[in-house]
N, C-alpha and C. Protein backbone atom coordinates (compact mmCIF):
# COMPACT_ATOMS: atom_id res chain seq x y z
N MET A 1 46.22 24.88 -2.06
CA MET A 1 45.42 25.68 -1.15
C MET A 1 46.37 26.51 -0.28
N THR A 2 46.09 27.79 -0.20
CA THR A 2 46.96 28.68 0.57
C THR A 2 46.74 28.48 2.07
N LEU A 3 47.65 28.99 2.83
CA LEU A 3 47.56 28.89 4.28
C LEU A 3 46.30 29.58 4.81
N ILE A 4 45.98 30.73 4.25
CA ILE A 4 44.79 31.47 4.69
C ILE A 4 43.53 30.67 4.34
N ALA A 5 43.48 30.07 3.17
CA ALA A 5 42.31 29.27 2.78
C ALA A 5 42.16 28.06 3.70
N ARG A 6 43.27 27.43 4.05
CA ARG A 6 43.22 26.28 4.97
C ARG A 6 42.75 26.70 6.34
N ALA A 7 43.23 27.85 6.82
CA ALA A 7 42.82 28.36 8.13
C ALA A 7 41.32 28.68 8.15
N ARG A 8 40.82 29.28 7.07
CA ARG A 8 39.38 29.57 6.99
C ARG A 8 38.55 28.29 6.96
N SER A 9 39.03 27.31 6.24
CA SER A 9 38.32 26.02 6.17
C SER A 9 38.29 25.36 7.54
N TRP A 10 39.42 25.37 8.23
CA TRP A 10 39.51 24.79 9.57
C TRP A 10 38.59 25.52 10.54
N ALA A 11 38.58 26.86 10.48
CA ALA A 11 37.70 27.65 11.36
C ALA A 11 36.24 27.34 11.07
N GLY A 12 35.90 27.16 9.82
CA GLY A 12 34.53 26.81 9.46
C GLY A 12 34.13 25.44 10.00
N GLN A 13 35.06 24.50 9.95
CA GLN A 13 34.80 23.16 10.50
C GLN A 13 34.63 23.22 12.01
N ILE A 14 35.44 24.04 12.67
CA ILE A 14 35.33 24.19 14.13
C ILE A 14 33.96 24.76 14.49
N LYS A 15 33.54 25.81 13.79
CA LYS A 15 32.24 26.43 14.06
C LYS A 15 31.11 25.44 13.83
N ARG A 16 31.19 24.68 12.74
CA ARG A 16 30.16 23.68 12.44
C ARG A 16 30.12 22.60 13.52
N ASP A 17 31.30 22.14 13.94
CA ASP A 17 31.35 21.08 14.95
C ASP A 17 30.84 21.55 16.32
N VAL A 18 31.06 22.81 16.65
CA VAL A 18 30.53 23.34 17.92
C VAL A 18 29.01 23.29 17.89
N VAL A 19 28.41 23.71 16.80
CA VAL A 19 26.95 23.67 16.68
C VAL A 19 26.48 22.21 16.68
N ALA A 20 27.20 21.33 16.00
CA ALA A 20 26.84 19.91 15.99
C ALA A 20 26.91 19.32 17.40
N LEU A 21 27.90 19.71 18.18
CA LEU A 21 27.99 19.23 19.57
C LEU A 21 26.86 19.79 20.42
N TRP A 22 26.47 21.03 20.15
CA TRP A 22 25.32 21.61 20.85
C TRP A 22 24.07 20.80 20.55
N LEU A 23 23.92 20.35 19.30
CA LEU A 23 22.79 19.49 18.94
C LEU A 23 22.93 18.10 19.57
N ALA A 24 24.16 17.63 19.72
CA ALA A 24 24.41 16.29 20.28
C ALA A 24 23.93 16.18 21.72
N ILE A 25 23.97 17.28 22.44
CA ILE A 25 23.54 17.28 23.84
C ILE A 25 22.10 16.82 23.98
N ARG A 26 21.29 17.14 22.98
CA ARG A 26 19.85 16.84 23.02
C ARG A 26 19.47 15.60 22.21
N ASP A 27 20.45 14.94 21.62
CA ASP A 27 20.17 13.80 20.74
C ASP A 27 20.17 12.49 21.55
N PRO A 28 19.10 11.71 21.49
CA PRO A 28 19.04 10.47 22.27
C PRO A 28 20.00 9.38 21.79
N ARG A 29 20.56 9.52 20.60
CA ARG A 29 21.51 8.53 20.08
C ARG A 29 22.91 8.69 20.65
N VAL A 30 23.15 9.80 21.35
CA VAL A 30 24.47 10.10 21.88
C VAL A 30 24.57 9.59 23.32
N PRO A 31 25.62 8.81 23.65
CA PRO A 31 25.79 8.30 25.02
C PRO A 31 25.96 9.45 26.03
N TRP A 32 25.62 9.16 27.29
CA TRP A 32 25.65 10.19 28.33
C TRP A 32 27.03 10.81 28.51
N TYR A 33 28.08 9.99 28.43
CA TYR A 33 29.43 10.53 28.65
C TYR A 33 29.83 11.47 27.52
N ALA A 34 29.40 11.18 26.30
CA ALA A 34 29.67 12.07 25.17
C ALA A 34 28.86 13.36 25.31
N LYS A 35 27.63 13.24 25.81
CA LYS A 35 26.81 14.43 26.05
C LYS A 35 27.45 15.33 27.09
N THR A 36 28.03 14.73 28.12
CA THR A 36 28.67 15.51 29.18
C THR A 36 29.85 16.31 28.63
N VAL A 37 30.72 15.64 27.88
CA VAL A 37 31.88 16.32 27.29
C VAL A 37 31.40 17.37 26.28
N ALA A 38 30.42 17.01 25.46
CA ALA A 38 29.89 17.94 24.46
C ALA A 38 29.29 19.17 25.14
N ALA A 39 28.60 18.98 26.26
CA ALA A 39 28.00 20.10 26.98
C ALA A 39 29.06 21.06 27.50
N VAL A 40 30.13 20.51 28.05
CA VAL A 40 31.21 21.36 28.58
C VAL A 40 31.89 22.12 27.44
N VAL A 41 32.23 21.40 26.38
CA VAL A 41 32.96 22.02 25.26
C VAL A 41 32.08 23.05 24.55
N ALA A 42 30.86 22.64 24.18
CA ALA A 42 29.98 23.57 23.47
C ALA A 42 29.59 24.75 24.36
N GLY A 43 29.33 24.47 25.63
CA GLY A 43 28.98 25.56 26.55
C GLY A 43 30.08 26.59 26.64
N TYR A 44 31.32 26.14 26.72
CA TYR A 44 32.43 27.08 26.80
C TYR A 44 32.66 27.78 25.47
N ALA A 45 32.63 27.01 24.38
CA ALA A 45 32.89 27.59 23.06
C ALA A 45 31.81 28.61 22.67
N LEU A 46 30.58 28.39 23.11
CA LEU A 46 29.48 29.28 22.75
C LEU A 46 29.25 30.38 23.78
N SER A 47 30.03 30.37 24.86
CA SER A 47 29.90 31.40 25.87
C SER A 47 30.37 32.74 25.29
N PRO A 48 29.65 33.82 25.60
CA PRO A 48 30.07 35.12 25.07
C PRO A 48 31.35 35.67 25.70
N ILE A 49 31.83 35.08 26.79
CA ILE A 49 33.10 35.52 27.37
C ILE A 49 34.03 34.33 27.51
N ASP A 50 35.33 34.61 27.51
CA ASP A 50 36.35 33.57 27.63
C ASP A 50 36.82 33.44 29.07
N LEU A 51 37.31 32.26 29.38
CA LEU A 51 37.92 32.04 30.69
C LEU A 51 39.18 32.89 30.83
N ILE A 52 39.97 32.91 29.75
CA ILE A 52 41.18 33.74 29.70
C ILE A 52 40.90 34.85 28.70
N PRO A 53 40.75 36.10 29.13
CA PRO A 53 40.43 37.20 28.20
C PRO A 53 41.49 37.34 27.11
N ASP A 54 41.03 37.68 25.90
CA ASP A 54 41.94 37.77 24.76
C ASP A 54 42.98 38.89 24.89
N PHE A 55 42.73 39.88 25.74
CA PHE A 55 43.70 40.97 25.87
C PHE A 55 44.96 40.57 26.65
N ILE A 56 44.94 39.40 27.29
CA ILE A 56 46.14 38.92 28.00
C ILE A 56 47.08 38.33 26.95
N PRO A 57 48.30 38.88 26.82
CA PRO A 57 49.20 38.42 25.77
C PRO A 57 49.43 36.90 25.82
N VAL A 58 49.45 36.27 24.70
CA VAL A 58 49.70 34.85 24.47
C VAL A 58 48.61 33.98 25.10
N LEU A 59 48.46 34.05 26.41
CA LEU A 59 47.48 33.20 27.10
C LEU A 59 46.05 33.48 26.65
N GLY A 60 45.76 34.71 26.27
CA GLY A 60 44.42 35.09 25.86
C GLY A 60 43.92 34.33 24.65
N TYR A 61 44.83 33.97 23.77
CA TYR A 61 44.42 33.23 22.57
C TYR A 61 44.66 31.74 22.71
N LEU A 62 45.22 31.31 23.83
CA LEU A 62 45.50 29.89 24.05
C LEU A 62 44.22 29.06 24.01
N ASP A 63 43.15 29.55 24.65
CA ASP A 63 41.91 28.78 24.64
C ASP A 63 41.31 28.71 23.23
N ASP A 64 41.37 29.80 22.46
CA ASP A 64 40.81 29.81 21.12
C ASP A 64 41.60 28.92 20.16
N LEU A 65 42.90 28.86 20.32
CA LEU A 65 43.74 28.13 19.38
C LEU A 65 44.08 26.71 19.80
N LEU A 66 43.93 26.39 21.09
CA LEU A 66 44.37 25.09 21.56
C LEU A 66 43.30 24.36 22.38
N ILE A 67 42.81 24.98 23.43
CA ILE A 67 41.90 24.30 24.35
C ILE A 67 40.58 23.94 23.68
N VAL A 68 39.94 24.91 23.02
CA VAL A 68 38.64 24.65 22.37
C VAL A 68 38.77 23.60 21.27
N PRO A 69 39.74 23.73 20.34
CA PRO A 69 39.85 22.68 19.31
C PRO A 69 40.13 21.29 19.87
N LEU A 70 40.97 21.19 20.91
CA LEU A 70 41.24 19.88 21.50
C LEU A 70 40.00 19.32 22.18
N GLY A 71 39.24 20.17 22.84
CA GLY A 71 37.99 19.73 23.45
C GLY A 71 36.99 19.26 22.41
N ILE A 72 36.92 19.98 21.30
CA ILE A 72 36.03 19.58 20.21
C ILE A 72 36.45 18.23 19.65
N MET A 73 37.74 18.04 19.44
CA MET A 73 38.23 16.76 18.90
C MET A 73 37.87 15.61 19.84
N LEU A 74 38.03 15.80 21.15
CA LEU A 74 37.68 14.77 22.11
C LEU A 74 36.19 14.47 22.07
N ALA A 75 35.37 15.49 22.10
CA ALA A 75 33.92 15.29 22.09
C ALA A 75 33.46 14.61 20.81
N VAL A 76 34.02 15.01 19.67
CA VAL A 76 33.64 14.41 18.39
C VAL A 76 33.99 12.93 18.38
N LYS A 77 35.13 12.56 18.96
CA LYS A 77 35.53 11.15 19.01
C LYS A 77 34.58 10.31 19.87
N LEU A 78 33.96 10.92 20.87
CA LEU A 78 33.06 10.19 21.76
C LEU A 78 31.66 9.98 21.17
N VAL A 79 31.29 10.82 20.21
CA VAL A 79 29.98 10.68 19.56
C VAL A 79 30.12 9.63 18.45
N PRO A 80 29.20 8.67 18.36
CA PRO A 80 29.28 7.66 17.29
C PRO A 80 29.37 8.35 15.91
N ALA A 81 30.24 7.83 15.05
CA ALA A 81 30.54 8.47 13.76
C ALA A 81 29.30 8.73 12.90
N PRO A 82 28.38 7.75 12.75
CA PRO A 82 27.20 8.04 11.91
C PRO A 82 26.32 9.15 12.51
N VAL A 83 26.24 9.20 13.83
CA VAL A 83 25.45 10.23 14.49
C VAL A 83 26.12 11.59 14.29
N MET A 84 27.44 11.64 14.44
CA MET A 84 28.17 12.90 14.25
C MET A 84 28.02 13.40 12.83
N ALA A 85 28.06 12.50 11.85
CA ALA A 85 27.88 12.90 10.45
C ALA A 85 26.50 13.54 10.26
N ASP A 86 25.48 12.93 10.85
CA ASP A 86 24.12 13.49 10.76
C ASP A 86 24.04 14.84 11.45
N LEU A 87 24.65 14.95 12.62
CA LEU A 87 24.62 16.22 13.36
C LEU A 87 25.36 17.33 12.61
N ARG A 88 26.44 16.97 11.93
CA ARG A 88 27.17 17.97 11.14
C ARG A 88 26.31 18.50 10.00
N VAL A 89 25.57 17.62 9.36
CA VAL A 89 24.67 18.05 8.28
C VAL A 89 23.59 18.98 8.85
N ARG A 90 23.01 18.61 9.97
CA ARG A 90 21.99 19.44 10.62
C ARG A 90 22.56 20.79 11.09
N ALA A 91 23.83 20.80 11.46
CA ALA A 91 24.45 22.03 11.96
C ALA A 91 24.75 23.03 10.85
N MET A 92 24.87 22.56 9.62
CA MET A 92 25.26 23.43 8.50
C MET A 92 24.29 24.60 8.30
N GLY A 93 23.02 24.38 8.46
CA GLY A 93 22.05 25.44 8.19
C GLY A 93 21.63 26.23 9.41
N ARG A 94 22.23 25.98 10.54
CA ARG A 94 21.80 26.64 11.79
C ARG A 94 22.71 27.81 12.13
N ALA A 95 22.10 28.79 12.77
CA ALA A 95 22.87 29.92 13.30
C ALA A 95 23.58 29.45 14.56
N ARG A 96 24.68 30.08 14.87
CA ARG A 96 25.44 29.73 16.06
C ARG A 96 24.67 30.19 17.30
N PRO A 97 24.31 29.24 18.18
CA PRO A 97 23.58 29.63 19.40
C PRO A 97 24.51 30.28 20.42
N LYS A 98 23.92 30.88 21.42
CA LYS A 98 24.69 31.43 22.55
C LYS A 98 24.45 30.53 23.75
N SER A 99 25.45 30.39 24.59
CA SER A 99 25.33 29.53 25.76
C SER A 99 25.29 30.37 27.03
N ILE A 100 24.11 30.49 27.59
CA ILE A 100 23.96 31.19 28.87
C ILE A 100 24.61 30.36 29.99
N ALA A 101 24.47 29.03 29.91
CA ALA A 101 25.09 28.16 30.91
C ALA A 101 26.61 28.31 30.88
N GLY A 102 27.18 28.40 29.68
CA GLY A 102 28.62 28.61 29.56
C GLY A 102 29.04 29.94 30.15
N LEU A 103 28.25 30.97 29.90
CA LEU A 103 28.50 32.29 30.47
C LEU A 103 28.49 32.23 32.00
N ILE A 104 27.48 31.57 32.55
CA ILE A 104 27.36 31.46 34.01
C ILE A 104 28.53 30.67 34.59
N ALA A 105 28.93 29.60 33.91
CA ALA A 105 30.06 28.79 34.39
C ALA A 105 31.35 29.60 34.40
N VAL A 106 31.60 30.35 33.33
CA VAL A 106 32.82 31.17 33.27
C VAL A 106 32.79 32.25 34.34
N LEU A 107 31.63 32.90 34.52
CA LEU A 107 31.52 33.92 35.57
C LEU A 107 31.73 33.32 36.95
N PHE A 108 31.19 32.11 37.18
CA PHE A 108 31.38 31.43 38.46
C PHE A 108 32.86 31.14 38.71
N ILE A 109 33.56 30.67 37.69
CA ILE A 109 35.00 30.38 37.83
C ILE A 109 35.77 31.66 38.14
N TRP A 110 35.43 32.76 37.43
CA TRP A 110 36.09 34.04 37.70
C TRP A 110 35.80 34.52 39.13
N ALA A 111 34.55 34.38 39.58
CA ALA A 111 34.20 34.81 40.93
C ALA A 111 34.93 33.96 41.98
N ALA A 112 35.01 32.66 41.75
CA ALA A 112 35.72 31.77 42.68
C ALA A 112 37.20 32.13 42.73
N ALA A 113 37.79 32.39 41.56
CA ALA A 113 39.21 32.76 41.52
C ALA A 113 39.44 34.09 42.25
N ALA A 114 38.54 35.05 42.03
CA ALA A 114 38.67 36.34 42.72
C ALA A 114 38.54 36.16 44.23
N GLY A 115 37.60 35.31 44.65
CA GLY A 115 37.44 35.03 46.07
C GLY A 115 38.68 34.41 46.68
N LEU A 116 39.31 33.50 45.95
CA LEU A 116 40.54 32.87 46.45
C LEU A 116 41.68 33.88 46.55
N VAL A 117 41.76 34.78 45.57
CA VAL A 117 42.81 35.81 45.62
C VAL A 117 42.59 36.73 46.81
N VAL A 118 41.35 37.17 47.02
CA VAL A 118 41.04 38.05 48.16
C VAL A 118 41.36 37.34 49.47
N ARG A 119 40.97 36.07 49.57
CA ARG A 119 41.25 35.31 50.78
C ARG A 119 42.77 35.16 51.01
N TRP A 120 43.48 34.91 49.96
CA TRP A 120 44.94 34.77 50.04
C TRP A 120 45.57 36.09 50.48
N LEU A 121 45.10 37.21 49.89
CA LEU A 121 45.65 38.52 50.25
C LEU A 121 45.32 38.86 51.71
N ASN A 122 44.12 38.56 52.16
CA ASN A 122 43.75 38.83 53.56
C ASN A 122 44.50 37.93 54.51
N HIS A 123 44.80 36.72 54.12
CA HIS A 123 45.53 35.78 54.97
C HIS A 123 46.97 36.27 55.18
N ASP A 124 47.56 36.85 54.14
CA ASP A 124 48.94 37.35 54.27
C ASP A 124 49.03 38.58 55.18
N GLN A 125 47.96 39.33 55.31
CA GLN A 125 47.98 40.55 56.13
C GLN A 125 47.80 40.27 57.61
N THR A 126 47.31 39.11 57.95
CA THR A 126 47.08 38.79 59.37
C THR A 126 48.23 38.12 60.03
C-alpha cells in the first residue's frame, strides 16, 4: 500500500470516527465522561472554523494533523469497544454533520483571546 493510499485510508477512518463520536453523544450506552470528551472532540472537529486558522504557517495545520486525531483516539478509548464498533457501522452511511456548538465555542475562544489582547494593550498604555 502506497503512502498516499494509507493517508487516504487514515483520513477516512478519522472522518468515520468523528461521525461515530457525534452519534456517541446521544447514545445511552456511552458513559457520561466519554460523552463529554466525545462532545468536545466532535464539536471541534465538525466546527466550520478552526481554533488555529490554516493560513498560519505550521501551527495552522497542527490541529488537523495532531490535536484532532489525538482527541479522537482518547474519546474512542473511553467508549466501550462493542458500542464503538456499532457506532462506526452506523456512521458509515451518514453525511458529516456540522457543529453549531463547536462554531460558537471557537468564536467564544477567539473573542476571549481578542479581549485579553485589547486589555493587555490598554494596560501597557496607562
